[in-house]
Every structure is written in structure tokens, then in C-alpha cells.
Amino acid sequence: VGNIIGSNIINIIFVLGASSLFVNIRFDNNSNLLNESQLLSIAFILSHLIFIMSYLLNKSISRFSGSLLLFIYIFFIYRLLQF
């Protein structure tokens, strides 16, 4: 558990740090953080449900599950670029 939490914190810090080298990151009251966090939550939940169902049913990730995960990722990136 410590490795997972530590890894997530370090990943967030490195990603925000690297992103801020190229683009100013501002947080204001008029931002769409609620919409972005909802999108992130939906993508997170869907991807984990696919992983759990694939594990319980097949003990592996099928081509269909992989395609769904790829579609969720592409849709997620597309929607992030829309904000």
C-alpha cells in the first residue's frame, strides 16, 4: 500500500512539474475543474470495471476488453483537449 500511494504522489508531482515547464497552470474560480474531475472519475471507474470483469471471467484481458480500454483512453484524451 505504501508503494502504491508513494508512487501515485510522485507521479502527480512529476507530471505537474513537467507540465508547468511548458504551460502555466492556473487554478481560478471560473475553471472547469468539476467537469474535468467528473470525466476523470468516469474513465477511472470504467477502466477498473473492465479490468475486474476481465479478471473474474477470463483471468486475462481479451481483445474486446483491450479495445474498450483503448477507446476509453482515446475518448478521455479527446475530451481533455476539448477543455
Protein backbone atom coordinates (compact mmCIF):
# COMPACT_ATOMS: atom_id res chain seq x y z
CA VAL A 1 0.00 0.00 0.00
CA GLY A 2 2.84 2.37 0.78
CA ASN A 3 4.46 1.79 -2.59
CA ILE A 4 1.20 2.43 -4.42
CA ILE A 5 0.44 5.63 -2.52
CA GLY A 6 4.02 6.85 -2.80
CA SER A 7 4.15 6.08 -6.49
CA ASN A 8 0.91 7.97 -7.13
CA ILE A 9 2.12 11.02 -5.22
CA ILE A 10 5.47 11.06 -7.03
CA ASN A 11 3.75 10.60 -10.41
CA ILE A 12 1.42 13.53 -9.72
CA ILE A 13 4.29 15.74 -8.61
CA PHE A 14 6.44 14.85 -11.64
CA VAL A 15 3.59 15.26 -14.13
CA LEU A 16 2.54 18.64 -12.72
CA GLY A 17 6.14 19.75 -12.57
CA ALA A 18 6.91 18.69 -16.13
CA SER A 19 3.65 20.20 -17.40
CA SER A 20 4.33 23.50 -15.68
CA LEU A 21 7.63 23.77 -17.58
CA PHE A 22 5.69 24.14 -20.83
CA VAL A 23 2.35 25.68 -19.78
CA ASN A 24 1.35 27.88 -16.85
CA ILE A 25 -1.04 26.01 -14.60
CA ARG A 26 -3.66 28.29 -13.10
CA PHE A 27 -6.49 27.45 -10.76
CA ASP A 28 -9.25 30.01 -10.58
CA ASN A 29 -12.92 30.10 -9.68
CA ASN A 30 -14.02 30.09 -13.32
CA SER A 31 -12.25 26.87 -14.30
CA ASN A 32 -14.00 23.64 -15.24
CA LEU A 33 -12.35 21.52 -12.56
CA LEU A 34 -15.65 19.89 -11.63
CA ASN A 35 -16.26 18.75 -15.22
CA GLU A 36 -12.68 17.55 -15.59
CA SER A 37 -12.82 15.64 -12.32
CA GLN A 38 -16.11 14.03 -13.31
CA LEU A 39 -14.58 12.92 -16.61
CA LEU A 40 -11.56 11.53 -14.80
CA SER A 41 -13.80 9.68 -12.35
CA ILE A 42 -15.88 8.12 -15.11
CA ALA A 43 -12.80 7.00 -17.06
CA PHE A 44 -11.23 5.60 -13.87
CA ILE A 45 -14.35 3.67 -12.88
CA LEU A 46 -14.98 2.27 -16.38
CA SER A 47 -11.41 1.12 -16.86
CA HIS A 48 -11.32 -0.58 -13.47
CA LEU A 49 -14.68 -2.27 -14.05
CA ILE A 50 -13.34 -3.68 -17.31
CA PHE A 51 -10.19 -4.95 -15.58
CA ILE A 52 -12.20 -6.53 -12.73
CA MET A 53 -14.72 -8.18 -15.05
CA SER A 54 -11.94 -9.48 -17.33
CA TYR A 55 -10.12 -10.93 -14.34
CA LEU A 56 -13.19 -12.56 -12.87
CA LEU A 57 -14.42 -14.04 -16.16
CA ASN A 58 -11.30 -14.90 -18.17
CA LYS A 59 -8.28 -14.35 -15.92
CA SER A 60 -6.87 -12.34 -18.87
CA ILE A 61 -7.64 -9.27 -20.95
CA SER A 62 -9.35 -10.20 -24.20
CA ARG A 63 -9.11 -8.28 -27.45
CA PHE A 64 -12.59 -6.87 -26.79
CA SER A 65 -11.61 -5.63 -23.32
CA GLY A 66 -8.40 -4.18 -24.71
CA SER A 67 -10.35 -2.41 -27.43
CA LEU A 68 -12.74 -0.95 -24.86
CA LEU A 69 -9.84 0.27 -22.74
CA LEU A 70 -8.20 1.84 -25.79
CA PHE A 71 -11.48 3.52 -26.76
CA ILE A 72 -11.93 4.90 -23.22
CA TYR A 73 -8.37 6.26 -23.30
CA ILE A 74 -8.79 7.91 -26.71
CA PHE A 75 -12.15 9.40 -25.69
CA PHE A 76 -10.62 10.63 -22.42
CA ILE A 77 -7.72 12.35 -24.21
CA TYR A 78 -10.10 13.83 -26.80
CA ARG A 79 -12.35 15.28 -24.08
CA LEU A 80 -9.38 16.68 -22.16
CA LEU A 81 -8.28 18.55 -25.28
CA GLN A 82 -11.81 20.00 -25.53
CA PHE A 83 -11.48 21.74 -22.14
